[in-house]
Amino acid sequence: MAAIALASALCASAACGGDDTVEGPPPPAPATVTVRSAAFADGGSIPARFTCSGGDVSPPLEWRGGPARTRGWALLLEDPDAPSGTFVHWTLYDIPPATSGLRIGAIPPGAREGENSFGDRGYGGPCPPAGDAPHRYVFLVYALRSPLGLDAGAAADDVRAAIDEHAIARGRLVGRFGR
């Protein structure tokens, strides 16, 4: 219970969209990848287990439809409804090309996680300010022409810029969560 209160206080103090937000829309690419989760439907509610109100573990994801020339994958999880701009909850990159999904709370061997807007490396679950209308959480999966080659812990802006240079296709899944 104390951990949830601390996470809520940190989120409120950062306004879940403070100084570490990113500018502009996510990197563009043809929308030919299909992304889904066994935990929630597109546009549906994200279960608390995957948020700051629960276990704060990443949900299961599956994707298909990457071009034959895909040499790696990257994932962004962003909250475009945060009060001060787009809040990045997760960047995962250099995902091996044969990967077609993620298990709950797991990342594939060889993949790297960047820094999120909480200032941590890895997944930081949905955590909108208490009392806000539910926010949209956008999971973007990118097929890449080559691995990004960024060091683990790269800043979200750097990950987005590298994806912009290497993306050949993308897909998205939107979940909602409010507290």
N, C-alpha and C. Protein backbone atom coordinates (compact mmCIF):
# COMPACT_ATOMS: atom_id res chain seq x y z
N MET A 1 0.82 -1.19 0.00
CA MET A 1 0.00 0.00 0.00
C MET A 1 0.87 1.26 0.00
N ALA A 2 1.97 1.22 0.77
CA ALA A 2 2.87 2.37 0.81
C ALA A 2 3.50 2.61 -0.55
N ALA A 3 3.81 1.52 -1.27
CA ALA A 3 4.41 1.66 -2.61
C ALA A 3 3.44 2.35 -3.56
N ILE A 4 2.17 2.01 -3.47
CA ILE A 4 1.16 2.64 -4.34
C ILE A 4 1.03 4.12 -4.00
N ALA A 5 1.02 4.44 -2.70
CA ALA A 5 0.93 5.84 -2.29
C ALA A 5 2.15 6.62 -2.78
N LEU A 6 3.35 6.01 -2.69
CA LEU A 6 4.56 6.67 -3.16
C LEU A 6 4.50 6.88 -4.67
N ALA A 7 4.09 5.86 -5.42
CA ALA A 7 3.98 5.99 -6.87
C ALA A 7 2.97 7.08 -7.24
N SER A 8 1.87 7.11 -6.53
CA SER A 8 0.85 8.14 -6.80
C SER A 8 1.39 9.54 -6.52
N ALA A 9 2.13 9.68 -5.40
CA ALA A 9 2.70 10.98 -5.06
C ALA A 9 3.73 11.41 -6.10
N LEU A 10 4.57 10.47 -6.52
CA LEU A 10 5.57 10.80 -7.54
C LEU A 10 4.90 11.20 -8.85
N CYS A 11 3.88 10.46 -9.22
CA CYS A 11 3.16 10.76 -10.46
C CYS A 11 2.50 12.13 -10.36
N ALA A 12 1.87 12.41 -9.23
CA ALA A 12 1.20 13.70 -9.06
C ALA A 12 2.20 14.84 -9.08
N SER A 13 3.37 14.62 -8.44
CA SER A 13 4.36 15.70 -8.42
C SER A 13 4.94 15.93 -9.80
N ALA A 14 5.00 14.88 -10.62
CA ALA A 14 5.49 15.03 -11.99
C ALA A 14 4.35 15.40 -12.93
N ALA A 15 3.14 15.40 -12.42
CA ALA A 15 1.93 15.65 -13.20
C ALA A 15 1.81 14.67 -14.34
N CYS A 16 2.48 13.52 -14.20
CA CYS A 16 2.50 12.49 -15.25
C CYS A 16 2.67 13.15 -16.60
N GLY A 17 3.54 14.09 -16.69
CA GLY A 17 3.80 14.77 -17.94
C GLY A 17 4.64 16.00 -17.68
N GLY A 18 5.60 15.88 -16.81
CA GLY A 18 6.43 17.01 -16.44
C GLY A 18 7.51 17.31 -17.46
N ASP A 19 8.70 17.65 -16.97
CA ASP A 19 9.80 18.09 -17.82
C ASP A 19 10.32 17.00 -18.75
N ASP A 20 10.06 15.75 -18.47
CA ASP A 20 10.60 14.66 -19.27
C ASP A 20 9.65 14.17 -20.35
N THR A 21 8.72 15.00 -20.76
CA THR A 21 7.81 14.62 -21.83
C THR A 21 8.51 14.82 -23.17
N VAL A 22 7.92 14.27 -24.22
CA VAL A 22 8.47 14.41 -25.57
C VAL A 22 7.56 15.31 -26.39
N GLU A 23 8.14 15.88 -27.41
CA GLU A 23 7.40 16.80 -28.29
C GLU A 23 6.99 16.10 -29.57
N GLY A 24 5.87 16.50 -30.10
CA GLY A 24 5.44 16.05 -31.41
C GLY A 24 4.87 14.65 -31.44
N PRO A 25 4.34 14.29 -32.60
CA PRO A 25 3.75 12.97 -32.75
C PRO A 25 4.82 11.90 -32.77
N PRO A 26 4.42 10.65 -32.56
CA PRO A 26 5.40 9.56 -32.64
C PRO A 26 5.90 9.40 -34.08
N PRO A 27 7.02 8.72 -34.26
CA PRO A 27 7.56 8.54 -35.61
C PRO A 27 6.54 7.90 -36.55
N PRO A 28 6.47 8.41 -37.79
CA PRO A 28 5.53 7.85 -38.76
C PRO A 28 6.11 6.62 -39.44
N ALA A 29 5.25 5.78 -39.95
CA ALA A 29 5.60 4.61 -40.77
C ALA A 29 4.29 4.03 -41.26
N PRO A 30 4.33 3.30 -42.37
CA PRO A 30 3.09 2.66 -42.85
C PRO A 30 2.49 1.76 -41.77
N ALA A 31 1.18 1.85 -41.59
CA ALA A 31 0.47 1.11 -40.53
C ALA A 31 0.07 -0.27 -41.03
N THR A 32 1.05 -1.16 -41.16
CA THR A 32 0.77 -2.51 -41.68
C THR A 32 0.94 -3.60 -40.63
N VAL A 33 1.36 -3.23 -39.43
CA VAL A 33 1.56 -4.20 -38.36
C VAL A 33 0.30 -4.23 -37.49
N THR A 34 -0.15 -5.42 -37.15
CA THR A 34 -1.30 -5.61 -36.26
C THR A 34 -0.77 -5.90 -34.86
N VAL A 35 -1.25 -5.14 -33.88
CA VAL A 35 -0.82 -5.30 -32.49
C VAL A 35 -2.05 -5.62 -31.65
N ARG A 36 -1.90 -6.60 -30.77
CA ARG A 36 -3.01 -6.94 -29.86
C ARG A 36 -2.45 -7.39 -28.53
N SER A 37 -3.34 -7.45 -27.55
CA SER A 37 -2.99 -7.95 -26.22
C SER A 37 -4.09 -8.89 -25.75
N ALA A 38 -3.68 -9.96 -25.10
CA ALA A 38 -4.65 -10.88 -24.49
C ALA A 38 -5.25 -10.26 -23.23
N ALA A 39 -4.67 -9.16 -22.73
CA ALA A 39 -5.12 -8.55 -21.48
C ALA A 39 -6.21 -7.51 -21.66
N PHE A 40 -6.29 -6.87 -22.85
CA PHE A 40 -7.30 -5.85 -23.09
C PHE A 40 -7.49 -5.66 -24.59
N ALA A 41 -8.68 -5.21 -24.95
CA ALA A 41 -9.00 -4.96 -26.36
C ALA A 41 -8.53 -3.57 -26.76
N ASP A 42 -8.35 -3.36 -28.06
CA ASP A 42 -8.00 -2.04 -28.56
C ASP A 42 -9.09 -1.05 -28.13
N GLY A 43 -8.70 0.03 -27.47
CA GLY A 43 -9.64 1.02 -26.97
C GLY A 43 -10.23 0.67 -25.62
N GLY A 44 -9.91 -0.53 -25.11
CA GLY A 44 -10.47 -0.99 -23.84
C GLY A 44 -9.64 -0.58 -22.64
N SER A 45 -10.12 -0.96 -21.48
CA SER A 45 -9.46 -0.63 -20.22
C SER A 45 -8.28 -1.54 -19.95
N ILE A 46 -7.17 -0.95 -19.55
CA ILE A 46 -5.99 -1.71 -19.16
C ILE A 46 -6.21 -2.20 -17.73
N PRO A 47 -6.09 -3.50 -17.47
CA PRO A 47 -6.27 -4.01 -16.11
C PRO A 47 -5.26 -3.39 -15.14
N ALA A 48 -5.70 -3.16 -13.91
CA ALA A 48 -4.86 -2.51 -12.89
C ALA A 48 -3.53 -3.22 -12.69
N ARG A 49 -3.49 -4.51 -12.91
CA ARG A 49 -2.25 -5.29 -12.74
C ARG A 49 -1.08 -4.66 -13.50
N PHE A 50 -1.37 -4.03 -14.63
CA PHE A 50 -0.33 -3.49 -15.51
C PHE A 50 -0.09 -1.99 -15.29
N THR A 51 -0.58 -1.45 -14.18
CA THR A 51 -0.51 -0.02 -13.90
C THR A 51 0.13 0.24 -12.54
N CYS A 52 0.30 1.52 -12.21
CA CYS A 52 0.84 1.89 -10.90
C CYS A 52 -0.13 1.54 -9.77
N SER A 53 -1.36 1.25 -10.09
CA SER A 53 -2.34 0.87 -9.07
C SER A 53 -2.31 -0.62 -8.77
N GLY A 54 -1.49 -1.36 -9.51
CA GLY A 54 -1.39 -2.80 -9.33
C GLY A 54 0.06 -3.23 -9.28
N GLY A 55 0.38 -4.25 -10.05
CA GLY A 55 1.73 -4.81 -10.05
C GLY A 55 2.75 -4.04 -10.86
N ASP A 56 2.29 -3.11 -11.70
CA ASP A 56 3.17 -2.29 -12.54
C ASP A 56 4.10 -3.15 -13.40
N VAL A 57 3.53 -4.21 -13.99
CA VAL A 57 4.27 -5.06 -14.92
C VAL A 57 3.73 -4.85 -16.33
N SER A 58 4.57 -5.04 -17.31
CA SER A 58 4.15 -4.83 -18.70
C SER A 58 3.16 -5.92 -19.12
N PRO A 59 2.17 -5.55 -19.92
CA PRO A 59 1.16 -6.51 -20.37
C PRO A 59 1.70 -7.38 -21.49
N PRO A 60 1.01 -8.49 -21.75
CA PRO A 60 1.40 -9.31 -22.90
C PRO A 60 1.01 -8.59 -24.19
N LEU A 61 1.87 -8.69 -25.19
CA LEU A 61 1.60 -8.10 -26.50
C LEU A 61 1.95 -9.10 -27.58
N GLU A 62 1.23 -9.02 -28.68
CA GLU A 62 1.52 -9.84 -29.87
C GLU A 62 1.45 -8.93 -31.08
N TRP A 63 2.29 -9.21 -32.08
CA TRP A 63 2.21 -8.44 -33.32
C TRP A 63 2.52 -9.34 -34.50
N ARG A 64 2.02 -8.90 -35.66
CA ARG A 64 2.27 -9.60 -36.92
C ARG A 64 2.13 -8.60 -38.06
N GLY A 65 2.67 -8.98 -39.19
CA GLY A 65 2.51 -8.13 -40.37
C GLY A 65 3.72 -7.28 -40.70
N GLY A 66 4.87 -7.58 -40.10
CA GLY A 66 6.08 -6.83 -40.45
C GLY A 66 6.57 -7.22 -41.83
N PRO A 67 7.16 -6.30 -42.56
CA PRO A 67 7.71 -6.60 -43.87
C PRO A 67 8.80 -7.67 -43.80
N ALA A 68 9.01 -8.39 -44.88
CA ALA A 68 10.03 -9.45 -44.93
C ALA A 68 11.41 -8.89 -44.62
N ARG A 69 11.65 -7.63 -44.91
CA ARG A 69 12.96 -7.03 -44.68
C ARG A 69 13.15 -6.50 -43.25
N THR A 70 12.25 -6.83 -42.33
CA THR A 70 12.36 -6.41 -40.93
C THR A 70 13.62 -7.01 -40.30
N ARG A 71 14.46 -6.15 -39.73
CA ARG A 71 15.71 -6.59 -39.09
C ARG A 71 15.72 -6.32 -37.59
N GLY A 72 14.60 -5.89 -37.08
CA GLY A 72 14.47 -5.64 -35.65
C GLY A 72 13.15 -4.94 -35.38
N TRP A 73 12.82 -4.82 -34.11
CA TRP A 73 11.57 -4.20 -33.68
C TRP A 73 11.87 -3.19 -32.58
N ALA A 74 10.99 -2.24 -32.43
CA ALA A 74 11.05 -1.29 -31.32
C ALA A 74 9.63 -1.04 -30.84
N LEU A 75 9.50 -0.65 -29.59
CA LEU A 75 8.19 -0.39 -29.00
C LEU A 75 8.24 0.91 -28.20
N LEU A 76 7.21 1.70 -28.35
CA LEU A 76 7.01 2.89 -27.53
C LEU A 76 5.68 2.74 -26.82
N LEU A 77 5.61 3.16 -25.57
CA LEU A 77 4.34 3.27 -24.84
C LEU A 77 4.25 4.71 -24.38
N GLU A 78 3.24 5.42 -24.90
CA GLU A 78 3.12 6.85 -24.63
C GLU A 78 1.71 7.22 -24.19
N ASP A 79 1.65 8.24 -23.34
CA ASP A 79 0.38 8.81 -22.88
C ASP A 79 0.26 10.22 -23.49
N PRO A 80 -0.49 10.36 -24.59
CA PRO A 80 -0.64 11.68 -25.20
C PRO A 80 -1.58 12.60 -24.43
N ASP A 81 -2.26 12.08 -23.41
CA ASP A 81 -3.22 12.87 -22.64
C ASP A 81 -2.62 13.47 -21.36
N ALA A 82 -1.35 13.26 -21.12
CA ALA A 82 -0.71 13.80 -19.92
C ALA A 82 -0.81 15.33 -19.94
N PRO A 83 -0.93 15.95 -18.77
CA PRO A 83 -1.18 17.39 -18.70
C PRO A 83 -0.13 18.28 -19.37
N SER A 84 1.14 17.86 -19.34
CA SER A 84 2.20 18.74 -19.85
C SER A 84 2.82 18.28 -21.15
N GLY A 85 2.22 17.32 -21.81
CA GLY A 85 2.77 16.81 -23.07
C GLY A 85 2.81 15.30 -23.06
N THR A 86 3.29 14.72 -24.12
CA THR A 86 3.31 13.25 -24.24
C THR A 86 4.30 12.66 -23.24
N PHE A 87 3.78 11.82 -22.37
CA PHE A 87 4.56 11.16 -21.32
C PHE A 87 4.93 9.77 -21.81
N VAL A 88 6.21 9.46 -21.78
CA VAL A 88 6.71 8.17 -22.27
C VAL A 88 6.79 7.19 -21.09
N HIS A 89 6.08 6.08 -21.22
CA HIS A 89 6.06 5.07 -20.18
C HIS A 89 7.04 3.94 -20.44
N TRP A 90 7.46 3.78 -21.71
CA TRP A 90 8.37 2.66 -22.01
C TRP A 90 8.96 2.85 -23.39
N THR A 91 10.25 2.59 -23.51
CA THR A 91 10.89 2.42 -24.81
C THR A 91 11.64 1.10 -24.74
N LEU A 92 11.42 0.27 -25.74
CA LEU A 92 12.06 -1.04 -25.84
C LEU A 92 12.53 -1.16 -27.28
N TYR A 93 13.80 -1.46 -27.49
CA TYR A 93 14.35 -1.45 -28.84
C TYR A 93 15.40 -2.55 -29.00
N ASP A 94 15.84 -2.70 -30.24
CA ASP A 94 16.74 -3.79 -30.61
C ASP A 94 16.12 -5.14 -30.24
N ILE A 95 14.81 -5.23 -30.41
CA ILE A 95 14.09 -6.48 -30.23
C ILE A 95 14.44 -7.35 -31.44
N PRO A 96 14.86 -8.60 -31.23
CA PRO A 96 15.24 -9.46 -32.36
C PRO A 96 14.13 -9.60 -33.41
N PRO A 97 14.51 -9.70 -34.69
CA PRO A 97 13.52 -9.71 -35.77
C PRO A 97 12.54 -10.88 -35.75
N ALA A 98 12.92 -12.02 -35.17
CA ALA A 98 12.01 -13.17 -35.13
C ALA A 98 10.97 -13.06 -34.02
N THR A 99 11.06 -12.04 -33.20
CA THR A 99 10.13 -11.85 -32.08
C THR A 99 8.76 -11.41 -32.60
N SER A 100 7.71 -12.01 -32.04
CA SER A 100 6.36 -11.64 -32.45
C SER A 100 5.47 -11.27 -31.26
N GLY A 101 6.10 -11.03 -30.13
CA GLY A 101 5.33 -10.63 -28.97
C GLY A 101 6.15 -10.60 -27.71
N LEU A 102 5.52 -10.18 -26.64
CA LEU A 102 6.15 -10.09 -25.33
C LEU A 102 5.26 -10.76 -24.29
N ARG A 103 5.87 -11.51 -23.40
CA ARG A 103 5.13 -12.11 -22.29
C ARG A 103 4.98 -11.07 -21.18
N ILE A 104 4.08 -11.33 -20.28
CA ILE A 104 3.85 -10.43 -19.14
C ILE A 104 5.15 -10.19 -18.40
N GLY A 105 5.50 -8.91 -18.25
CA GLY A 105 6.66 -8.52 -17.45
C GLY A 105 8.00 -8.96 -17.99
N ALA A 106 8.09 -9.35 -19.26
CA ALA A 106 9.34 -9.87 -19.79
C ALA A 106 9.77 -9.13 -21.05
N ILE A 107 11.08 -9.09 -21.26
CA ILE A 107 11.61 -8.58 -22.52
C ILE A 107 12.48 -9.66 -23.14
N PRO A 108 12.56 -9.68 -24.47
CA PRO A 108 13.36 -10.73 -25.13
C PRO A 108 14.86 -10.54 -24.90
N PRO A 109 15.62 -11.64 -24.91
CA PRO A 109 17.07 -11.52 -24.80
C PRO A 109 17.61 -10.63 -25.93
N GLY A 110 18.52 -9.76 -25.58
CA GLY A 110 19.13 -8.87 -26.57
C GLY A 110 18.43 -7.53 -26.71
N ALA A 111 17.19 -7.43 -26.28
CA ALA A 111 16.46 -6.17 -26.37
C ALA A 111 16.98 -5.21 -25.30
N ARG A 112 16.82 -3.93 -25.56
CA ARG A 112 17.27 -2.90 -24.62
C ARG A 112 16.11 -1.99 -24.25
N GLU A 113 16.14 -1.53 -23.00
CA GLU A 113 15.13 -0.59 -22.54
C GLU A 113 15.76 0.78 -22.34
N GLY A 114 15.01 1.80 -22.74
CA GLY A 114 15.47 3.17 -22.56
C GLY A 114 14.86 3.79 -21.33
N GLU A 115 15.16 5.07 -21.16
CA GLU A 115 14.64 5.82 -20.02
C GLU A 115 13.22 6.29 -20.32
N ASN A 116 12.36 6.19 -19.32
CA ASN A 116 10.99 6.68 -19.47
C ASN A 116 10.87 8.07 -18.84
N SER A 117 9.70 8.65 -18.92
CA SER A 117 9.50 10.00 -18.39
C SER A 117 9.48 10.05 -16.86
N PHE A 118 9.45 8.89 -16.20
CA PHE A 118 9.58 8.85 -14.75
C PHE A 118 11.05 9.03 -14.35
N GLY A 119 11.96 8.94 -15.34
CA GLY A 119 13.39 9.02 -15.07
C GLY A 119 14.01 7.67 -14.78
N ASP A 120 13.24 6.59 -15.03
CA ASP A 120 13.72 5.22 -14.79
C ASP A 120 13.95 4.52 -16.12
N ARG A 121 14.73 3.47 -16.09
CA ARG A 121 14.90 2.62 -17.26
C ARG A 121 13.86 1.50 -17.18
N GLY A 122 13.17 1.25 -18.30
CA GLY A 122 12.22 0.15 -18.35
C GLY A 122 10.78 0.61 -18.35
N TYR A 123 9.91 -0.33 -18.05
CA TYR A 123 8.47 -0.12 -18.08
C TYR A 123 8.02 0.64 -16.84
N GLY A 124 7.23 1.67 -17.05
CA GLY A 124 6.55 2.40 -15.98
C GLY A 124 5.08 2.43 -16.37
N GLY A 125 4.27 1.69 -15.67
CA GLY A 125 2.88 1.52 -16.07
C GLY A 125 2.05 2.78 -16.05
N PRO A 126 0.88 2.71 -16.69
CA PRO A 126 -0.04 3.85 -16.69
C PRO A 126 -0.29 4.33 -15.26
N CYS A 127 -0.28 5.66 -15.10
CA CYS A 127 -0.41 6.26 -13.77
C CYS A 127 -0.90 7.69 -13.91
N PRO A 128 -2.11 7.89 -14.44
CA PRO A 128 -2.58 9.26 -14.63
C PRO A 128 -2.88 9.92 -13.29
N PRO A 129 -2.90 11.24 -13.27
CA PRO A 129 -3.27 11.92 -12.03
C PRO A 129 -4.66 11.46 -11.56
N ALA A 130 -4.79 11.24 -10.27
CA ALA A 130 -6.07 10.83 -9.69
C ALA A 130 -7.13 11.88 -10.03
N GLY A 131 -8.28 11.40 -10.45
CA GLY A 131 -9.39 12.30 -10.76
C GLY A 131 -9.47 12.69 -12.23
N ASP A 132 -8.39 12.50 -12.99
CA ASP A 132 -8.45 12.77 -14.43
C ASP A 132 -9.38 11.77 -15.10
N ALA A 133 -9.95 12.18 -16.21
CA ALA A 133 -10.66 11.21 -17.05
C ALA A 133 -9.63 10.18 -17.49
N PRO A 134 -10.05 8.96 -17.79
CA PRO A 134 -9.08 7.96 -18.24
C PRO A 134 -8.21 8.48 -19.39
N HIS A 135 -6.92 8.20 -19.29
CA HIS A 135 -5.98 8.58 -20.33
C HIS A 135 -5.86 7.45 -21.35
N ARG A 136 -5.43 7.83 -22.55
CA ARG A 136 -5.11 6.84 -23.59
C ARG A 136 -3.64 6.48 -23.47
N TYR A 137 -3.35 5.20 -23.53
CA TYR A 137 -1.98 4.70 -23.51
C TYR A 137 -1.76 3.98 -24.83
N VAL A 138 -0.83 4.52 -25.64
CA VAL A 138 -0.63 4.06 -26.99
C VAL A 138 0.62 3.19 -27.06
N PHE A 139 0.42 1.92 -27.38
CA PHE A 139 1.52 0.98 -27.61
C PHE A 139 1.81 1.01 -29.10
N LEU A 140 2.99 1.46 -29.47
CA LEU A 140 3.40 1.54 -30.88
C LEU A 140 4.52 0.54 -31.10
N VAL A 141 4.31 -0.38 -32.03
CA VAL A 141 5.32 -1.38 -32.37
C VAL A 141 5.83 -1.07 -33.77
N TYR A 142 7.14 -0.92 -33.90
CA TYR A 142 7.77 -0.55 -35.17
C TYR A 142 8.61 -1.69 -35.72
N ALA A 143 8.43 -1.99 -37.00
CA ALA A 143 9.35 -2.86 -37.74
C ALA A 143 10.48 -1.95 -38.22
N LEU A 144 11.72 -2.43 -38.07
CA LEU A 144 12.89 -1.61 -38.39
C LEU A 144 13.73 -2.24 -39.49
N ARG A 145 14.35 -1.40 -40.31
CA ARG A 145 15.24 -1.90 -41.37
C ARG A 145 16.57 -2.37 -40.80
N SER A 146 16.91 -1.92 -39.59
CA SER A 146 18.11 -2.36 -38.89
C SER A 146 17.94 -2.04 -37.41
N PRO A 147 18.69 -2.73 -36.54
CA PRO A 147 18.61 -2.39 -35.11
C PRO A 147 19.00 -0.94 -34.89
N LEU A 148 18.48 -0.34 -33.82
CA LEU A 148 18.77 1.05 -33.54
C LEU A 148 20.20 1.25 -33.05
N GLY A 149 20.75 0.27 -32.35
CA GLY A 149 22.14 0.36 -31.90
C GLY A 149 22.37 1.35 -30.78
N LEU A 150 21.33 1.81 -30.13
CA LEU A 150 21.48 2.73 -29.00
C LEU A 150 21.88 1.95 -27.75
N ASP A 151 22.59 2.61 -26.86
CA ASP A 151 22.92 1.98 -25.58
C ASP A 151 21.64 1.82 -24.76
N ALA A 152 21.65 0.86 -23.85
CA ALA A 152 20.55 0.72 -22.91
C ALA A 152 20.45 2.01 -22.10
N GLY A 153 19.24 2.41 -21.79
CA GLY A 153 19.02 3.62 -21.01
C GLY A 153 18.97 4.89 -21.83
N ALA A 154 18.91 4.77 -23.16
CA ALA A 154 18.87 5.96 -24.02
C ALA A 154 17.64 6.80 -23.71
N ALA A 155 17.78 8.11 -23.88
CA ALA A 155 16.68 9.04 -23.66
C ALA A 155 15.56 8.79 -24.66
N ALA A 156 14.33 9.02 -24.24
CA ALA A 156 13.17 8.78 -25.09
C ALA A 156 13.25 9.56 -26.41
N ASP A 157 13.71 10.80 -26.36
CA ASP A 157 13.84 11.59 -27.60
C ASP A 157 14.82 10.94 -28.57
N ASP A 158 15.91 10.37 -28.03
CA ASP A 158 16.89 9.70 -28.89
C ASP A 158 16.32 8.43 -29.50
N VAL A 159 15.55 7.69 -28.71
CA VAL A 159 14.92 6.47 -29.22
C VAL A 159 13.92 6.83 -30.33
N ARG A 160 13.10 7.83 -30.08
CA ARG A 160 12.13 8.25 -31.10
C ARG A 160 12.83 8.69 -32.39
N ALA A 161 13.93 9.46 -32.26
CA ALA A 161 14.66 9.93 -33.45
C ALA A 161 15.26 8.76 -34.22
N ALA A 162 15.80 7.78 -33.50
CA ALA A 162 16.38 6.61 -34.17
C ALA A 162 15.29 5.78 -34.85
N ILE A 163 14.15 5.63 -34.20
CA ILE A 163 13.04 4.90 -34.82
C ILE A 163 12.63 5.63 -36.10
N ASP A 164 12.56 6.94 -36.04
CA ASP A 164 12.17 7.74 -37.21
C ASP A 164 13.09 7.44 -38.40
N GLU A 165 14.36 7.21 -38.16
CA GLU A 165 15.33 6.92 -39.22
C GLU A 165 15.24 5.49 -39.75
N HIS A 166 14.79 4.55 -38.92
CA HIS A 166 14.85 3.13 -39.26
C HIS A 166 13.50 2.44 -39.49
N ALA A 167 12.40 3.11 -39.19
CA ALA A 167 11.08 2.47 -39.26
C ALA A 167 10.64 2.20 -40.68
N ILE A 168 10.14 0.98 -40.92
CA ILE A 168 9.58 0.62 -42.22
C ILE A 168 8.10 0.26 -42.13
N ALA A 169 7.60 0.06 -40.91
CA ALA A 169 6.18 -0.22 -40.69
C ALA A 169 5.90 -0.06 -39.21
N ARG A 170 4.61 0.11 -38.88
CA ARG A 170 4.24 0.19 -37.47
C ARG A 170 2.81 -0.30 -37.29
N GLY A 171 2.52 -0.56 -36.03
CA GLY A 171 1.16 -0.89 -35.62
C GLY A 171 0.93 -0.27 -34.26
N ARG A 172 -0.35 -0.17 -33.87
CA ARG A 172 -0.65 0.44 -32.59
C ARG A 172 -1.81 -0.25 -31.91
N LEU A 173 -1.77 -0.17 -30.60
CA LEU A 173 -2.82 -0.67 -29.74
C LEU A 173 -3.03 0.38 -28.68
N VAL A 174 -4.28 0.76 -28.45
CA VAL A 174 -4.58 1.80 -27.47
C VAL A 174 -5.37 1.17 -26.32
N GLY A 175 -4.89 1.44 -25.10
CA GLY A 175 -5.62 1.06 -23.91
C GLY A 175 -5.95 2.29 -23.11
N ARG A 176 -6.91 2.20 -22.21
CA ARG A 176 -7.32 3.34 -21.39
C ARG A 176 -7.19 2.96 -19.92
N PHE A 177 -6.85 3.99 -19.13
CA PHE A 177 -6.77 3.78 -17.69
C PHE A 177 -6.98 5.09 -16.96
N GLY A 178 -7.75 5.04 -15.90
CA GLY A 178 -7.99 6.20 -15.05
C GLY A 178 -7.99 5.75 -13.59
N ARG A 179 -7.75 6.72 -12.70
CA ARG A 179 -7.74 6.40 -11.26
C ARG A 179 -8.70 7.31 -10.52
